[in-house]
Amino acid sequence: MKTAPTGYWSQPPAFESGGGGLVSTAADYLAFASALLAGGTLDGERVLSRPSVTLMTSDHLTPAQKAVSGFSPGYFDDIGWGFGMSVRTRRTHLGPWPVSYPPPASVGSYGWPGIYGTGWYNDPAEDMTTILMIQRAPAPPGLPILFDFWTAAYQAIDD
């Protein structure tokens, strides 16, 4: 006789959150990231309008908003915020948290590292998607494996 699954993710939440606690697979993340990287198309079919993708992946924060961030000092020096993800606004030196979080990516890159150890970013300039799912809750800030993963991905680029 089978028993019903138990645990936090075994039933719908009492109050859904559009920005946290989402459950997915690496394949779903890849499909989402690939559609964004392709300007809103996936497997030749439009799933998001091009203007929607542009809005999602553009910085919408003003300098005044960045100055009063609740994150660490300087957090928004190199990134901004699109619709649900960070957006790289300036490429600077590489280093540990928070400097290279998001990854040492090109200006215009976008994505987000989640608290459960999922980190994904698209870099349109390199035509690259990176996804790492370690599923460790909570993932401590500056988790070395994320920095190492992104560093290795950029070192692997061979023009």
N, C-alpha and C. Protein backbone atom coordinates (compact mmCIF):
# COMPACT_ATOMS: atom_id res chain seq x y z
N MET A 1 0.83 -1.17 0.00
CA MET A 1 0.00 0.00 0.00
C MET A 1 0.89 1.25 0.00
N LYS A 2 0.60 2.19 -0.90
CA LYS A 2 1.36 3.43 -0.98
C LYS A 2 0.85 4.42 0.06
N THR A 3 1.79 5.18 0.61
CA THR A 3 1.39 6.25 1.52
C THR A 3 1.54 7.58 0.81
N ALA A 4 0.74 8.53 1.22
CA ALA A 4 0.78 9.86 0.60
C ALA A 4 2.07 10.57 1.00
N PRO A 5 2.61 11.38 0.10
CA PRO A 5 3.82 12.12 0.45
C PRO A 5 3.54 13.11 1.59
N THR A 6 4.56 13.34 2.37
CA THR A 6 4.43 14.31 3.46
C THR A 6 5.54 15.34 3.32
N GLY A 7 5.48 16.37 4.07
CA GLY A 7 6.51 17.38 4.04
C GLY A 7 6.00 18.69 3.50
N TYR A 8 6.89 19.66 3.51
CA TYR A 8 6.55 21.03 3.15
C TYR A 8 5.98 21.16 1.75
N TRP A 9 6.55 20.43 0.79
CA TRP A 9 6.14 20.57 -0.61
C TRP A 9 5.09 19.55 -1.04
N SER A 10 4.49 18.81 -0.12
CA SER A 10 3.55 17.76 -0.49
C SER A 10 2.14 18.26 -0.77
N GLN A 11 1.87 19.52 -0.45
CA GLN A 11 0.54 20.08 -0.73
C GLN A 11 0.68 21.57 -1.06
N PRO A 12 -0.32 22.12 -1.74
CA PRO A 12 -0.24 23.55 -2.08
C PRO A 12 -0.14 24.41 -0.82
N PRO A 13 0.58 25.54 -0.91
CA PRO A 13 0.70 26.41 0.26
C PRO A 13 -0.62 27.12 0.57
N ALA A 14 -0.77 27.55 1.82
CA ALA A 14 -1.96 28.29 2.22
C ALA A 14 -2.01 29.63 1.50
N PHE A 15 -0.85 30.24 1.29
CA PHE A 15 -0.76 31.52 0.60
C PHE A 15 0.41 31.45 -0.36
N GLU A 16 0.12 31.50 -1.65
CA GLU A 16 1.18 31.37 -2.64
C GLU A 16 2.03 32.62 -2.72
N SER A 17 3.31 32.42 -2.98
CA SER A 17 4.25 33.52 -3.13
C SER A 17 4.80 33.50 -4.55
N GLY A 18 4.66 34.61 -5.24
CA GLY A 18 5.18 34.69 -6.60
C GLY A 18 6.68 34.88 -6.65
N GLY A 19 7.30 35.18 -5.51
CA GLY A 19 8.72 35.45 -5.52
C GLY A 19 9.55 34.53 -4.67
N GLY A 20 8.96 33.54 -4.05
CA GLY A 20 9.74 32.65 -3.22
C GLY A 20 9.03 31.34 -3.00
N GLY A 21 9.82 30.32 -2.78
CA GLY A 21 9.25 29.01 -2.49
C GLY A 21 8.72 28.29 -3.70
N LEU A 22 9.14 28.67 -4.88
CA LEU A 22 8.69 27.98 -6.07
C LEU A 22 9.44 26.66 -6.21
N VAL A 23 8.79 25.67 -6.77
CA VAL A 23 9.38 24.36 -6.94
C VAL A 23 9.47 24.07 -8.44
N SER A 24 10.61 23.58 -8.89
CA SER A 24 10.78 23.30 -10.30
C SER A 24 11.88 22.26 -10.49
N THR A 25 12.19 22.01 -11.74
CA THR A 25 13.25 21.07 -12.10
C THR A 25 14.31 21.81 -12.90
N ALA A 26 15.45 21.20 -13.06
CA ALA A 26 16.50 21.80 -13.89
C ALA A 26 16.02 21.96 -15.33
N ALA A 27 15.26 21.00 -15.82
CA ALA A 27 14.74 21.09 -17.19
C ALA A 27 13.78 22.27 -17.34
N ASP A 28 12.92 22.49 -16.35
CA ASP A 28 12.01 23.64 -16.39
C ASP A 28 12.77 24.96 -16.33
N TYR A 29 13.77 25.02 -15.46
CA TYR A 29 14.60 26.22 -15.37
C TYR A 29 15.26 26.50 -16.71
N LEU A 30 15.79 25.45 -17.34
CA LEU A 30 16.45 25.61 -18.64
C LEU A 30 15.47 26.10 -19.69
N ALA A 31 14.25 25.57 -19.69
CA ALA A 31 13.25 26.02 -20.66
C ALA A 31 12.93 27.50 -20.44
N PHE A 32 12.74 27.91 -19.19
CA PHE A 32 12.45 29.30 -18.86
C PHE A 32 13.61 30.21 -19.28
N ALA A 33 14.82 29.84 -18.88
CA ALA A 33 15.99 30.65 -19.20
C ALA A 33 16.23 30.70 -20.70
N SER A 34 16.05 29.59 -21.39
CA SER A 34 16.24 29.55 -22.83
C SER A 34 15.23 30.44 -23.56
N ALA A 35 13.99 30.45 -23.08
CA ALA A 35 12.97 31.31 -23.69
C ALA A 35 13.33 32.78 -23.51
N LEU A 36 13.81 33.14 -22.33
CA LEU A 36 14.22 34.53 -22.11
C LEU A 36 15.42 34.89 -23.00
N LEU A 37 16.40 34.00 -23.05
CA LEU A 37 17.60 34.26 -23.84
C LEU A 37 17.26 34.39 -25.33
N ALA A 38 16.23 33.69 -25.78
CA ALA A 38 15.81 33.73 -27.18
C ALA A 38 14.79 34.84 -27.44
N GLY A 39 14.65 35.76 -26.50
CA GLY A 39 13.76 36.89 -26.72
C GLY A 39 12.29 36.57 -26.58
N GLY A 40 11.97 35.45 -25.95
CA GLY A 40 10.58 35.10 -25.70
C GLY A 40 10.07 33.91 -26.48
N THR A 41 10.97 33.24 -27.21
CA THR A 41 10.54 32.06 -27.95
C THR A 41 11.18 30.81 -27.36
N LEU A 42 10.49 29.71 -27.49
CA LEU A 42 10.99 28.41 -27.05
C LEU A 42 10.60 27.38 -28.09
N ASP A 43 11.58 26.68 -28.59
CA ASP A 43 11.36 25.67 -29.63
C ASP A 43 10.58 26.24 -30.80
N GLY A 44 10.92 27.49 -31.18
CA GLY A 44 10.30 28.13 -32.33
C GLY A 44 8.93 28.73 -32.10
N GLU A 45 8.42 28.66 -30.87
CA GLU A 45 7.10 29.23 -30.57
C GLU A 45 7.23 30.36 -29.58
N ARG A 46 6.46 31.41 -29.80
CA ARG A 46 6.49 32.56 -28.90
C ARG A 46 5.72 32.22 -27.63
N VAL A 47 6.40 32.37 -26.47
CA VAL A 47 5.77 32.14 -25.18
C VAL A 47 5.68 33.43 -24.35
N LEU A 48 6.53 34.39 -24.68
CA LEU A 48 6.51 35.72 -24.06
C LEU A 48 6.76 36.74 -25.16
N SER A 49 6.12 37.90 -25.04
CA SER A 49 6.38 38.93 -26.04
C SER A 49 7.78 39.49 -25.85
N ARG A 50 8.40 39.95 -26.94
CA ARG A 50 9.72 40.54 -26.86
C ARG A 50 9.74 41.73 -25.90
N PRO A 51 8.72 42.63 -25.93
CA PRO A 51 8.72 43.72 -24.95
C PRO A 51 8.64 43.23 -23.49
N SER A 52 7.93 42.14 -23.26
CA SER A 52 7.87 41.58 -21.89
C SER A 52 9.24 41.12 -21.44
N VAL A 53 9.97 40.45 -22.31
CA VAL A 53 11.31 39.99 -21.97
C VAL A 53 12.22 41.19 -21.69
N THR A 54 12.12 42.22 -22.51
CA THR A 54 12.93 43.42 -22.30
C THR A 54 12.62 44.04 -20.95
N LEU A 55 11.35 44.14 -20.59
CA LEU A 55 10.97 44.70 -19.29
C LEU A 55 11.48 43.82 -18.14
N MET A 56 11.36 42.51 -18.29
CA MET A 56 11.79 41.60 -17.23
C MET A 56 13.28 41.68 -16.98
N THR A 57 14.05 41.94 -18.02
CA THR A 57 15.50 41.83 -17.94
C THR A 57 16.21 43.19 -17.96
N SER A 58 15.48 44.25 -17.68
CA SER A 58 16.04 45.61 -17.61
C SER A 58 16.00 46.11 -16.18
N ASP A 59 16.96 46.94 -15.83
CA ASP A 59 17.03 47.53 -14.49
C ASP A 59 15.94 48.60 -14.33
N HIS A 60 15.14 48.48 -13.28
CA HIS A 60 14.06 49.44 -13.02
C HIS A 60 14.29 50.25 -11.75
N LEU A 61 15.43 50.09 -11.11
CA LEU A 61 15.70 50.83 -9.88
C LEU A 61 16.34 52.18 -10.17
N THR A 62 15.94 53.16 -9.43
CA THR A 62 16.55 54.48 -9.53
C THR A 62 17.79 54.50 -8.63
N PRO A 63 18.71 55.45 -8.86
CA PRO A 63 19.85 55.58 -7.97
C PRO A 63 19.42 55.80 -6.51
N ALA A 64 18.34 56.53 -6.29
CA ALA A 64 17.86 56.76 -4.93
C ALA A 64 17.40 55.46 -4.28
N GLN A 65 16.73 54.62 -5.03
CA GLN A 65 16.29 53.33 -4.50
C GLN A 65 17.48 52.44 -4.17
N LYS A 66 18.48 52.44 -5.04
CA LYS A 66 19.66 51.62 -4.80
C LYS A 66 20.41 52.09 -3.56
N ALA A 67 20.40 53.39 -3.31
CA ALA A 67 21.13 53.95 -2.17
C ALA A 67 20.56 53.53 -0.83
N VAL A 68 19.28 53.20 -0.77
CA VAL A 68 18.65 52.84 0.51
C VAL A 68 18.34 51.35 0.58
N SER A 69 19.06 50.56 -0.19
CA SER A 69 18.85 49.11 -0.22
C SER A 69 18.99 48.50 1.17
N GLY A 70 18.16 47.52 1.46
CA GLY A 70 18.25 46.78 2.71
C GLY A 70 19.30 45.68 2.69
N PHE A 71 19.91 45.47 1.53
CA PHE A 71 20.97 44.47 1.42
C PHE A 71 22.28 45.07 1.94
N SER A 72 23.37 44.40 1.70
CA SER A 72 24.67 44.87 2.17
C SER A 72 25.06 46.17 1.46
N PRO A 73 25.89 47.00 2.12
CA PRO A 73 26.35 48.24 1.47
C PRO A 73 27.03 47.94 0.14
N GLY A 74 26.69 48.72 -0.87
CA GLY A 74 27.27 48.53 -2.19
C GLY A 74 26.64 47.43 -3.02
N TYR A 75 25.60 46.79 -2.49
CA TYR A 75 24.98 45.65 -3.17
C TYR A 75 24.56 46.02 -4.60
N PHE A 76 23.98 47.21 -4.76
CA PHE A 76 23.48 47.61 -6.07
C PHE A 76 24.48 48.45 -6.87
N ASP A 77 25.76 48.40 -6.51
CA ASP A 77 26.77 49.13 -7.29
C ASP A 77 26.90 48.58 -8.71
N ASP A 78 26.76 47.27 -8.86
CA ASP A 78 27.00 46.61 -10.14
C ASP A 78 25.75 45.93 -10.71
N ILE A 79 24.66 45.95 -9.97
CA ILE A 79 23.44 45.31 -10.45
C ILE A 79 22.23 46.20 -10.22
N GLY A 80 21.18 45.88 -10.94
CA GLY A 80 19.89 46.52 -10.75
C GLY A 80 18.85 45.44 -10.58
N TRP A 81 17.60 45.80 -10.76
CA TRP A 81 16.52 44.85 -10.55
C TRP A 81 15.53 44.94 -11.69
N GLY A 82 15.30 43.82 -12.35
CA GLY A 82 14.27 43.71 -13.39
C GLY A 82 12.99 43.24 -12.73
N PHE A 83 12.19 42.49 -13.46
CA PHE A 83 10.97 41.94 -12.88
C PHE A 83 11.28 40.53 -12.37
N GLY A 84 11.69 40.42 -11.11
CA GLY A 84 11.95 39.14 -10.48
C GLY A 84 13.37 38.64 -10.59
N MET A 85 14.30 39.49 -11.01
CA MET A 85 15.68 39.03 -11.15
C MET A 85 16.64 40.20 -11.14
N SER A 86 17.88 39.89 -10.79
CA SER A 86 18.91 40.93 -10.85
C SER A 86 19.39 41.10 -12.28
N VAL A 87 19.88 42.29 -12.56
CA VAL A 87 20.38 42.63 -13.89
C VAL A 87 21.74 43.28 -13.72
N ARG A 88 22.74 42.76 -14.41
CA ARG A 88 24.10 43.30 -14.32
C ARG A 88 24.14 44.64 -15.05
N THR A 89 24.52 45.72 -14.34
CA THR A 89 24.57 47.06 -14.92
C THR A 89 25.99 47.54 -15.17
N ARG A 90 26.95 46.88 -14.53
CA ARG A 90 28.35 47.27 -14.69
C ARG A 90 29.21 46.06 -14.40
N ARG A 91 30.21 45.85 -15.22
CA ARG A 91 31.14 44.73 -15.00
C ARG A 91 32.38 45.29 -14.31
N THR A 92 32.68 44.72 -13.16
CA THR A 92 33.82 45.20 -12.38
C THR A 92 34.71 44.03 -12.03
N HIS A 93 35.62 44.27 -11.10
CA HIS A 93 36.56 43.23 -10.68
C HIS A 93 35.83 42.01 -10.10
N LEU A 94 36.51 40.90 -10.10
CA LEU A 94 35.94 39.67 -9.54
C LEU A 94 36.34 39.56 -8.09
N GLY A 95 35.50 38.93 -7.32
CA GLY A 95 35.82 38.74 -5.92
C GLY A 95 34.70 38.02 -5.21
N PRO A 96 34.84 37.81 -3.92
CA PRO A 96 33.80 37.09 -3.16
C PRO A 96 32.58 37.96 -2.91
N TRP A 97 31.59 37.37 -2.30
CA TRP A 97 30.34 38.04 -1.96
C TRP A 97 30.60 39.40 -1.35
N PRO A 98 29.86 40.47 -1.65
CA PRO A 98 28.77 40.50 -2.64
C PRO A 98 29.22 40.89 -4.02
N VAL A 99 30.52 41.10 -4.23
CA VAL A 99 30.99 41.64 -5.51
C VAL A 99 30.62 40.74 -6.68
N SER A 100 30.83 39.45 -6.59
CA SER A 100 30.55 38.57 -7.73
C SER A 100 29.29 37.76 -7.53
N TYR A 101 28.33 38.38 -6.92
CA TYR A 101 27.04 37.74 -6.70
C TYR A 101 25.99 38.72 -7.11
N PRO A 102 25.62 38.80 -8.37
CA PRO A 102 25.65 37.77 -9.38
C PRO A 102 27.03 37.50 -9.95
N PRO A 103 27.09 36.52 -10.87
CA PRO A 103 28.38 36.06 -11.36
C PRO A 103 29.17 37.14 -12.08
N PRO A 104 30.42 36.84 -12.37
CA PRO A 104 31.27 37.78 -13.11
C PRO A 104 30.84 37.84 -14.57
N ALA A 105 29.66 38.40 -14.79
CA ALA A 105 29.01 38.33 -16.09
C ALA A 105 29.07 39.65 -16.85
N SER A 106 28.67 39.59 -18.10
CA SER A 106 28.63 40.77 -18.97
C SER A 106 27.50 41.70 -18.54
N VAL A 107 27.65 42.98 -18.86
CA VAL A 107 26.57 43.93 -18.63
C VAL A 107 25.35 43.46 -19.40
N GLY A 108 24.20 43.49 -18.76
CA GLY A 108 22.97 43.01 -19.39
C GLY A 108 22.61 41.59 -19.01
N SER A 109 23.50 40.89 -18.29
CA SER A 109 23.19 39.54 -17.81
C SER A 109 22.11 39.65 -16.74
N TYR A 110 21.36 38.58 -16.56
CA TYR A 110 20.27 38.61 -15.59
C TYR A 110 20.00 37.21 -15.06
N GLY A 111 19.42 37.14 -13.86
CA GLY A 111 19.07 35.88 -13.21
C GLY A 111 18.97 36.10 -11.72
N TRP A 112 19.09 34.99 -10.96
CA TRP A 112 18.98 35.12 -9.52
C TRP A 112 19.48 33.86 -8.81
N PRO A 113 20.22 34.05 -7.71
CA PRO A 113 20.57 32.91 -6.86
C PRO A 113 19.53 32.81 -5.74
N GLY A 114 18.89 31.69 -5.61
CA GLY A 114 17.85 31.53 -4.59
C GLY A 114 18.39 31.02 -3.27
N ILE A 115 17.58 31.17 -2.25
CA ILE A 115 18.00 30.79 -0.90
C ILE A 115 18.19 29.28 -0.75
N TYR A 116 17.58 28.49 -1.62
CA TYR A 116 17.71 27.05 -1.52
C TYR A 116 18.85 26.50 -2.38
N GLY A 117 19.75 27.38 -2.81
CA GLY A 117 20.94 26.92 -3.52
C GLY A 117 20.77 26.78 -5.02
N THR A 118 19.72 27.36 -5.57
CA THR A 118 19.56 27.36 -7.01
C THR A 118 20.06 28.69 -7.54
N GLY A 119 21.00 28.66 -8.45
CA GLY A 119 21.50 29.88 -9.06
C GLY A 119 21.41 29.76 -10.57
N TRP A 120 20.77 30.73 -11.21
CA TRP A 120 20.70 30.72 -12.67
C TRP A 120 20.94 32.13 -13.20
N TYR A 121 21.61 32.20 -14.31
CA TYR A 121 21.85 33.47 -14.99
C TYR A 121 21.92 33.25 -16.49
N ASN A 122 21.43 34.22 -17.23
CA ASN A 122 21.62 34.29 -18.68
C ASN A 122 22.60 35.40 -18.97
N ASP A 123 23.51 35.17 -19.89
CA ASP A 123 24.43 36.19 -20.36
C ASP A 123 24.23 36.32 -21.86
N PRO A 124 23.38 37.26 -22.30
CA PRO A 124 23.11 37.40 -23.73
C PRO A 124 24.37 37.69 -24.56
N ALA A 125 25.32 38.44 -24.02
CA ALA A 125 26.54 38.75 -24.78
C ALA A 125 27.34 37.50 -25.10
N GLU A 126 27.26 36.50 -24.26
CA GLU A 126 27.98 35.24 -24.47
C GLU A 126 27.06 34.13 -24.98
N ASP A 127 25.76 34.45 -25.14
CA ASP A 127 24.76 33.46 -25.55
C ASP A 127 24.84 32.24 -24.62
N MET A 128 24.83 32.52 -23.31
CA MET A 128 25.08 31.47 -22.32
C MET A 128 24.03 31.49 -21.21
N THR A 129 23.60 30.30 -20.83
CA THR A 129 22.74 30.10 -19.66
C THR A 129 23.52 29.24 -18.68
N THR A 130 23.52 29.65 -17.42
CA THR A 130 24.12 28.81 -16.37
C THR A 130 23.05 28.51 -15.33
N ILE A 131 22.99 27.26 -14.91
CA ILE A 131 22.04 26.83 -13.90
C ILE A 131 22.76 25.88 -12.96
N LEU A 132 22.69 26.16 -11.67
CA LEU A 132 23.25 25.26 -10.67
C LEU A 132 22.19 25.04 -9.61
N MET A 133 21.86 23.80 -9.34
CA MET A 133 20.85 23.46 -8.33
C MET A 133 21.50 22.55 -7.30
N ILE A 134 21.82 23.12 -6.13
CA ILE A 134 22.44 22.29 -5.10
C ILE A 134 21.45 21.89 -4.02
N GLN A 135 20.31 22.57 -3.97
CA GLN A 135 19.22 22.24 -3.04
C GLN A 135 19.71 22.12 -1.60
N ARG A 136 20.30 23.17 -1.12
CA ARG A 136 20.76 23.25 0.27
C ARG A 136 20.07 24.44 0.90
N ALA A 137 19.29 24.20 1.92
CA ALA A 137 18.52 25.29 2.52
C ALA A 137 18.97 25.54 3.94
N PRO A 138 19.18 26.78 4.30
CA PRO A 138 19.36 27.88 3.36
C PRO A 138 20.80 27.90 2.86
N ALA A 139 20.95 28.30 1.63
CA ALA A 139 22.30 28.43 1.06
C ALA A 139 22.93 29.69 1.64
N PRO A 140 24.06 29.57 2.30
CA PRO A 140 24.66 30.76 2.90
C PRO A 140 25.13 31.75 1.83
N PRO A 141 25.08 33.05 2.13
CA PRO A 141 25.56 34.03 1.15
C PRO A 141 27.00 33.74 0.76
N GLY A 142 27.27 33.94 -0.50
CA GLY A 142 28.63 33.74 -0.98
C GLY A 142 29.04 32.28 -0.99
N LEU A 143 28.09 31.37 -1.09
CA LEU A 143 28.39 29.95 -1.12
C LEU A 143 29.48 29.71 -2.16
N PRO A 144 30.64 29.24 -1.75
CA PRO A 144 31.78 29.12 -2.69
C PRO A 144 31.47 28.33 -3.94
N ILE A 145 30.61 27.33 -3.87
CA ILE A 145 30.35 26.53 -5.07
C ILE A 145 29.70 27.38 -6.16
N LEU A 146 28.86 28.36 -5.80
CA LEU A 146 28.26 29.22 -6.80
C LEU A 146 29.32 30.07 -7.50
N PHE A 147 30.19 30.69 -6.70
CA PHE A 147 31.26 31.50 -7.28
C PHE A 147 32.17 30.63 -8.15
N ASP A 148 32.54 29.45 -7.67
CA ASP A 148 33.40 28.54 -8.44
C ASP A 148 32.72 28.10 -9.74
N PHE A 149 31.42 27.80 -9.66
CA PHE A 149 30.67 27.37 -10.83
C PHE A 149 30.66 28.46 -11.89
N TRP A 150 30.33 29.69 -11.51
CA TRP A 150 30.27 30.78 -12.48
C TRP A 150 31.66 31.12 -13.01
N THR A 151 32.67 31.07 -12.16
CA THR A 151 34.03 31.32 -12.63
C THR A 151 34.43 30.29 -13.67
N ALA A 152 34.15 29.01 -13.40
CA ALA A 152 34.49 27.95 -14.34
C ALA A 152 33.73 28.11 -15.66
N ALA A 153 32.48 28.51 -15.59
CA ALA A 153 31.68 28.69 -16.81
C ALA A 153 32.30 29.77 -17.69
N TYR A 154 32.71 30.88 -17.09
CA TYR A 154 33.31 31.96 -17.88
C TYR A 154 34.72 31.61 -18.35
N GLN A 155 35.45 30.83 -17.56
CA GLN A 155 36.78 30.40 -18.00
C GLN A 155 36.71 29.41 -19.15
N ALA A 156 35.57 28.72 -19.30
CA ALA A 156 35.41 27.72 -20.35
C ALA A 156 35.09 28.35 -21.71
N ILE A 157 34.78 29.63 -21.74
CA ILE A 157 34.48 30.27 -23.03
C ILE A 157 35.75 30.27 -23.88
N ASP A 158 35.61 29.74 -25.08
CA ASP A 158 36.76 29.61 -25.97
C ASP A 158 36.40 30.25 -27.32
N ASP A 159 36.83 31.50 -27.49
CA ASP A 159 36.53 32.20 -28.75
C ASP A 159 37.53 31.79 -29.78
